[in-house]
């Protein structure tokens, strides 16, 4: 998969192309429902992270891919903060059969957006007065395969994380 993306980015003569056009923040949200009280408590956070994505056609062979990361941190039963980032990108993906196109959208594009989303989320949390939030790397290929298997079993849509 990585080799295919690299070859396509280099403009191979097989007509396939992967061209990131734009990366941007589509939406952000930050809530501290229990401030200022939360800042007086002993800081022993419990982090919950949810990841989702949406894909929409913008033009022929061009897609908007949106990666949504929601981080909820609690101290005990009290919510310290809820932060959400919708990191978007516009990608031209030309010359791929539907199954490969879906994989590129859900692996390559999300892998491209993830570092931007993590940086925006960490900045948002720090500006909210909390310690830096550093998320672990994500293996979008494994997540996509898991979703495909669940979809084949009739449990979910493979294009959503």
C-alpha atoms as a PDB file:
ATOM      1  CA  UNK A   1       0.000   0.000   0.000  1.00  0.00           C
ATOM      2  CA  UNK A   2       2.710   2.512   0.895  1.00  0.00           C
ATOM      3  CA  UNK A   3       4.649   1.532  -2.234  1.00  0.00           C
ATOM      4  CA  UNK A   4       1.529   2.050  -4.345  1.00  0.00           C
ATOM      5  CA  UNK A   5       0.979   5.508  -2.856  1.00  0.00           C
ATOM      6  CA  UNK A   6       4.629   6.425  -3.392  1.00  0.00           C
ATOM      7  CA  UNK A   7       4.543   5.234  -7.011  1.00  0.00           C
ATOM      8  CA  UNK A   8       1.293   7.087  -7.701  1.00  0.00           C
ATOM      9  CA  UNK A   9       2.631  10.279  -6.102  1.00  0.00           C
ATOM     10  CA  UNK A  10       5.647  10.114  -8.390  1.00  0.00           C
ATOM     11  CA  UNK A  11       3.337  10.253 -11.392  1.00  0.00           C
ATOM     12  CA  UNK A  12       3.835   6.782 -12.801  1.00  0.00           C
ATOM     13  CA  UNK A  13       2.797   6.334 -16.414  1.00  0.00           C
ATOM     14  CA  UNK A  14      -0.121   4.042 -15.523  1.00  0.00           C
ATOM     15  CA  UNK A  15      -2.490   7.031 -15.082  1.00  0.00           C
ATOM     16  CA  UNK A  16      -2.754   6.669 -11.307  1.00  0.00           C
ATOM     17  CA  UNK A  17      -2.242   9.713  -9.125  1.00  0.00           C
ATOM     18  CA  UNK A  18      -2.506  10.624  -5.449  1.00  0.00           C
ATOM     19  CA  UNK A  19      -2.299  14.365  -5.008  1.00  0.00           C
ATOM     20  CA  UNK A  20      -3.008  16.057  -1.667  1.00  0.00           C
ATOM     21  CA  UNK A  21      -4.521  19.438  -2.574  1.00  0.00           C
ATOM     22  CA  UNK A  22      -5.211  21.077   0.796  1.00  0.00           C
ATOM     23  CA  UNK A  23      -5.140  20.289   4.530  1.00  0.00           C
ATOM     24  CA  UNK A  24      -7.260  22.450   6.835  1.00  0.00           C
ATOM     25  CA  UNK A  25      -9.179  22.588  10.116  1.00  0.00           C
ATOM     26  CA  UNK A  26     -12.870  22.234   9.359  1.00  0.00           C
ATOM     27  CA  UNK A  27     -14.171  22.508  12.928  1.00  0.00           C
ATOM     28  CA  UNK A  28     -12.862  22.566  16.506  1.00  0.00           C
ATOM     29  CA  UNK A  29     -14.589  22.447  19.859  1.00  0.00           C
ATOM     30  CA  UNK A  30     -13.305  22.723  23.411  1.00  0.00           C
ATOM     31  CA  UNK A  31     -15.339  22.569  26.611  1.00  0.00           C
ATOM     32  CA  UNK A  32     -14.333  22.724  30.273  1.00  0.00           C
ATOM     33  CA  UNK A  33     -17.713  22.188  31.914  1.00  0.00           C
ATOM     34  CA  UNK A  34     -16.310  22.008  35.441  1.00  0.00           C
ATOM     35  CA  UNK A  35     -13.912  24.930  35.472  1.00  0.00           C
ATOM     36  CA  UNK A  36     -12.569  26.531  37.536  1.00  0.00           C
ATOM     37  CA  UNK A  37     -13.128  23.741  40.096  1.00  0.00           C
ATOM     38  CA  UNK A  38     -11.336  21.139  37.950  1.00  0.00           C
ATOM     39  CA  UNK A  39      -8.080  23.129  38.221  1.00  0.00           C
ATOM     40  CA  UNK A  40      -8.063  22.753  42.011  1.00  0.00           C
ATOM     41  CA  UNK A  41      -8.222  18.938  41.943  1.00  0.00           C
ATOM     42  CA  UNK A  42      -5.369  16.465  41.966  1.00  0.00           C
ATOM     43  CA  UNK A  43      -4.576  15.773  38.316  1.00  0.00           C
ATOM     44  CA  UNK A  44      -5.044  12.063  37.645  1.00  0.00           C
ATOM     45  CA  UNK A  45      -6.684  12.095  34.224  1.00  0.00           C
ATOM     46  CA  UNK A  46      -8.517   9.278  32.473  1.00  0.00           C
ATOM     47  CA  UNK A  47      -8.445   9.748  28.707  1.00  0.00           C
ATOM     48  CA  UNK A  48     -11.077   8.517  26.280  1.00  0.00           C
ATOM     49  CA  UNK A  49     -10.514   8.952  22.533  1.00  0.00           C
ATOM     50  CA  UNK A  50     -12.979   8.438  19.686  1.00  0.00           C
ATOM     51  CA  UNK A  51     -12.035   8.531  16.013  1.00  0.00           C
ATOM     52  CA  UNK A  52     -14.414   8.902  13.089  1.00  0.00           C
ATOM     53  CA  UNK A  53     -14.187   9.940   9.468  1.00  0.00           C
ATOM     54  CA  UNK A  54     -16.305  11.150   6.583  1.00  0.00           C
ATOM     55  CA  UNK A  55     -15.575  11.106   2.869  1.00  0.00           C
ATOM     56  CA  UNK A  56     -17.354  13.217   0.272  1.00  0.00           C
ATOM     57  CA  UNK A  57     -16.814  13.736  -3.424  1.00  0.00           C
ATOM     58  CA  UNK A  58     -15.867  17.328  -4.304  1.00  0.00           C
ATOM     59  CA  UNK A  59     -15.267  16.924  -8.035  1.00  0.00           C
ATOM     60  CA  UNK A  60     -14.316  14.156 -10.422  1.00  0.00           C
ATOM     61  CA  UNK A  61     -11.490  12.149  -8.813  1.00  0.00           C
ATOM     62  CA  UNK A  62     -11.326  14.653  -5.926  1.00  0.00           C
ATOM     63  CA  UNK A  63     -12.463  13.953  -2.382  1.00  0.00           C
ATOM     64  CA  UNK A  64     -12.788  15.760   0.914  1.00  0.00           C
ATOM     65  CA  UNK A  65     -11.708  13.457   3.717  1.00  0.00           C
ATOM     66  CA  UNK A  66     -12.484  14.551   7.285  1.00  0.00           C
ATOM     67  CA  UNK A  67     -10.851  12.918  10.304  1.00  0.00           C
ATOM     68  CA  UNK A  68     -12.638  13.609  13.592  1.00  0.00           C
ATOM     69  CA  UNK A  69     -10.845  13.023  16.885  1.00  0.00           C
ATOM     70  CA  UNK A  70     -12.734  13.528  20.131  1.00  0.00           C
ATOM     71  CA  UNK A  71     -10.810  13.441  23.401  1.00  0.00           C
ATOM     72  CA  UNK A  72     -12.640  13.341  26.715  1.00  0.00           C
ATOM     73  CA  UNK A  73     -10.625  13.609  29.923  1.00  0.00           C
ATOM     74  CA  UNK A  74     -12.126  12.903  33.322  1.00  0.00           C
ATOM     75  CA  UNK A  75     -10.749  13.168  36.816  1.00  0.00           C
ATOM     76  CA  UNK A  76     -12.721  10.582  38.725  1.00  0.00           C
ATOM     77  CA  UNK A  77     -16.297  11.025  37.527  1.00  0.00           C
ATOM     78  CA  UNK A  78     -15.827  14.725  36.730  1.00  0.00           C
ATOM     79  CA  UNK A  79     -15.225  15.812  33.144  1.00  0.00           C
ATOM     80  CA  UNK A  80     -12.113  17.963  32.953  1.00  0.00           C
ATOM     81  CA  UNK A  81     -12.465  18.747  29.250  1.00  0.00           C
ATOM     82  CA  UNK A  82     -13.902  17.600  25.984  1.00  0.00           C
ATOM     83  CA  UNK A  83     -11.924  18.538  22.878  1.00  0.00           C
ATOM     84  CA  UNK A  84     -12.838  17.730  19.284  1.00  0.00           C
ATOM     85  CA  UNK A  85     -10.995  18.414  16.043  1.00  0.00           C
ATOM     86  CA  UNK A  86     -12.316  17.902  12.519  1.00  0.00           C
ATOM     87  CA  UNK A  87      -9.156  17.832  10.396  1.00  0.00           C
ATOM     88  CA  UNK A  88      -9.942  17.868   6.694  1.00  0.00           C
ATOM     89  CA  UNK A  89      -8.083  17.450   3.469  1.00  0.00           C
ATOM     90  CA  UNK A  90      -8.830  17.571  -0.222  1.00  0.00           C
ATOM     91  CA  UNK A  91      -7.201  14.758  -2.169  1.00  0.00           C
ATOM     92  CA  UNK A  92      -7.153  13.945  -5.871  1.00  0.00           C
ATOM     93  CA  UNK A  93      -7.131  10.156  -6.265  1.00  0.00           C
ATOM     94  CA  UNK A  94      -7.126   9.249  -9.945  1.00  0.00           C
ATOM     95  CA  UNK A  95      -7.093   5.933 -11.756  1.00  0.00           C
ATOM     96  CA  UNK A  96      -7.890   3.530  -8.904  1.00  0.00           C
ATOM     97  CA  UNK A  97     -10.535   0.806  -8.919  1.00  0.00           C
ATOM     98  CA  UNK A  98     -13.279   1.313  -6.275  1.00  0.00           C
ATOM     99  CA  UNK A  99     -11.862  -1.077  -3.656  1.00  0.00           C
ATOM    100  CA  UNK A 100      -8.363   0.450  -3.868  1.00  0.00           C
ATOM    101  CA  UNK A 101      -9.854   3.967  -3.864  1.00  0.00           C
ATOM    102  CA  UNK A 102     -11.752   3.204  -0.654  1.00  0.00           C
ATOM    103  CA  UNK A 103      -8.581   1.845   0.963  1.00  0.00           C
ATOM    104  CA  UNK A 104      -6.592   4.951  -0.034  1.00  0.00           C
ATOM    105  CA  UNK A 105      -9.273   7.249   1.359  1.00  0.00           C
ATOM    106  CA  UNK A 106      -9.448   5.338   4.654  1.00  0.00           C
ATOM    107  CA  UNK A 107      -5.761   4.600   5.132  1.00  0.00           C
ATOM    108  CA  UNK A 108      -3.495   6.926   3.144  1.00  0.00           C
ATOM    109  CA  UNK A 109      -5.642  10.061   3.524  1.00  0.00           C
ATOM    110  CA  UNK A 110      -6.353   9.503   7.224  1.00  0.00           C
ATOM    111  CA  UNK A 111      -2.690   8.724   7.862  1.00  0.00           C
ATOM    112  CA  UNK A 112      -1.836  12.041   6.186  1.00  0.00           C
ATOM    113  CA  UNK A 113      -4.363  14.011   8.279  1.00  0.00           C
ATOM    114  CA  UNK A 114      -3.647  12.379  11.654  1.00  0.00           C
ATOM    115  CA  UNK A 115      -0.478  14.328  12.618  1.00  0.00           C
ATOM    116  CA  UNK A 116      -2.213  17.623  11.797  1.00  0.00           C
ATOM    117  CA  UNK A 117      -5.232  16.630  13.896  1.00  0.00           C
ATOM    118  CA  UNK A 118      -3.051  15.560  16.834  1.00  0.00           C
ATOM    119  CA  UNK A 119      -1.131  18.851  16.768  1.00  0.00           C
ATOM    120  CA  UNK A 120      -4.341  20.897  16.630  1.00  0.00           C
ATOM    121  CA  UNK A 121      -5.869  18.865  19.470  1.00  0.00           C
ATOM    122  CA  UNK A 122      -2.770  19.212  21.643  1.00  0.00           C
ATOM    123  CA  UNK A 123      -2.636  22.961  21.015  1.00  0.00           C
ATOM    124  CA  UNK A 124      -6.330  23.312  21.883  1.00  0.00           C
ATOM    125  CA  UNK A 125      -5.914  21.394  25.146  1.00  0.00           C
ATOM    126  CA  UNK A 126      -2.810  23.374  26.151  1.00  0.00           C
ATOM    127  CA  UNK A 127      -4.538  26.683  25.412  1.00  0.00           C
ATOM    128  CA  UNK A 128      -7.386  25.452  27.622  1.00  0.00           C
ATOM    129  CA  UNK A 129      -4.981  25.381  30.568  1.00  0.00           C
ATOM    130  CA  UNK A 130      -4.333  21.638  30.679  1.00  0.00           C
ATOM    131  CA  UNK A 131      -1.142  19.602  30.222  1.00  0.00           C
ATOM    132  CA  UNK A 132      -0.124  18.747  26.678  1.00  0.00           C
ATOM    133  CA  UNK A 133      -2.119  15.902  25.143  1.00  0.00           C
ATOM    134  CA  UNK A 134       0.008  13.503  23.101  1.00  0.00           C
ATOM    135  CA  UNK A 135      -1.894  10.762  21.283  1.00  0.00           C
ATOM    136  CA  UNK A 136      -0.310   7.470  20.301  1.00  0.00           C
ATOM    137  CA  UNK A 137       0.271   6.718  16.611  1.00  0.00           C
ATOM    138  CA  UNK A 138      -2.677   5.068  14.859  1.00  0.00           C
ATOM    139  CA  UNK A 139      -2.514   2.147  12.459  1.00  0.00           C
ATOM    140  CA  UNK A 140      -5.246   3.121  10.011  1.00  0.00           C
ATOM    141  CA  UNK A 141      -4.602   0.066   7.855  1.00  0.00           C
ATOM    142  CA  UNK A 142      -5.432  -2.267  10.756  1.00  0.00           C
ATOM    143  CA  UNK A 143      -8.476  -0.171  11.671  1.00  0.00           C
ATOM    144  CA  UNK A 144      -9.695  -0.282   8.076  1.00  0.00           C
ATOM    145  CA  UNK A 145      -9.241  -4.065   7.853  1.00  0.00           C
ATOM    146  CA  UNK A 146     -11.133  -4.521  11.115  1.00  0.00           C
ATOM    147  CA  UNK A 147     -13.988  -2.392   9.761  1.00  0.00           C
ATOM    148  CA  UNK A 148     -14.039  -4.376   6.522  1.00  0.00           C
ATOM    149  CA  UNK A 149     -14.309  -7.620   8.477  1.00  0.00           C
ATOM    150  CA  UNK A 150     -17.129  -6.170  10.596  1.00  0.00           C
ATOM    151  CA  UNK A 151     -18.913  -4.972   7.445  1.00  0.00           C
ATOM    152  CA  UNK A 152     -18.638  -8.424   5.889  1.00  0.00           C
ATOM    153  CA  UNK A 153     -20.262  -9.771   9.055  1.00  0.00           C
ATOM    154  CA  UNK A 154     -22.960  -7.103   8.641  1.00  0.00           C
ATOM    155  CA  UNK A 155     -21.924  -5.108  11.717  1.00  0.00           C
ATOM    156  CA  UNK A 156     -20.739  -1.740  10.335  1.00  0.00           C
ATOM    157  CA  UNK A 157     -19.619   0.341   7.342  1.00  0.00           C
ATOM    158  CA  UNK A 158     -15.886  -0.197   6.497  1.00  0.00           C
ATOM    159  CA  UNK A 159     -15.453   3.393   5.341  1.00  0.00           C
ATOM    160  CA  UNK A 160     -16.106   4.710   8.859  1.00  0.00           C
ATOM    161  CA  UNK A 161     -13.675   4.499  11.773  1.00  0.00           C
END
